[in-house]
């Protein structure tokens, strides 16, 4: 899955900017609408009551793979939005289920390490998918390169059909617990800052500094190597120091990085900032392991799904608002708003208290 997604990620910004010629506000609209299917995550637990989690996850990748292939047929803003929203359904179904499968088979004291190993596997896929872009983007072009991207995700769906769910726990449909409120808030805030980064960081390099797709791909390739090397160590640090310490430190650094996007005008330095920024995504695993500490196994998947919904309360609005702000006040204000989100995240993270949950039957 991650190999196909990496190929898409390396192509998308240059594709919409150079092939479809969309503006920042239009990009923000596309990214906001992409997040609308995230609200569907509240029905995940209802789906998994009668279906094995691995089967639902395979269905998610089937939808995503078809969606990525569909970009090869996008000719205007309307078709771009339709294709994006269709593939987004699969992506947002996949995310909480994959985390639930990993946490469900992890021990009490190694959740951070297991999630770090999962992130390492993802980083290897990202490395492969990004490298492949350099091979076929010239013969296939930007548009044609979306076909192998979707094909790799479809291969992932086939592999999931071979996976047997283990440690299956009794599941409930949809839950909202007051004791998980900090998890919901942290997930929502993290979704906000992720949207500022994922929507506008590469777009800044392409639109303002005219960085070509090959250079973007090499940057993503190097970035993946850094992420691969840091994923497991970050997971171990979470296990060693706890979620509160790691999250507070993470968001303190991100305040500085977002300010750099607004104030630095050297492409090389912005590339370094981009790599550090992306590497720190691994620290967000602490939000998931925090839930794993306070929630019993039978509530993990539905709680992750509800967290996904909280995430998208902000994620739906942030890109379109960020694009409008960019068009009217400049990109600097958009990135300073991202820094402000990180400041709020510091305050919420500092209030974390963990009490180990006991599995409920």
Foldseek 3Di string as FASTA:
>chain_A
DLLLVLLCLLQPLCCCCVVANDALLLLLQLQLLLLVLLLVLLQLLVVCQPPPLLLQLLVLLLQLLVLLLQQLVDRYSVSSSVSSNRNSNSVSSNVLSVLLQQLLPDDPLQSLLSVLVVLLVSLVSSLNNLVVCVVCCVVQNSSRSSNVSSVVSNVVSVVSVVDDRPNDDNADGADDDPVCVLLLVLLQLVLLLVLLLSRPLVNCCCPVVVDDSVRSSVLSNVLSVLLNVCSNVLSVVCSVPHLLVLLLVLLVVLLVLLLCSLPPDDPVVSSVSSSVNVSSVSSCVRSLVLCSFADASRCRSNVSSSSSSSNSVNSSPNSSVQSVCCVPPNNNVSSNVSSVSSVVSSVSSNPDDGDGDDHDD
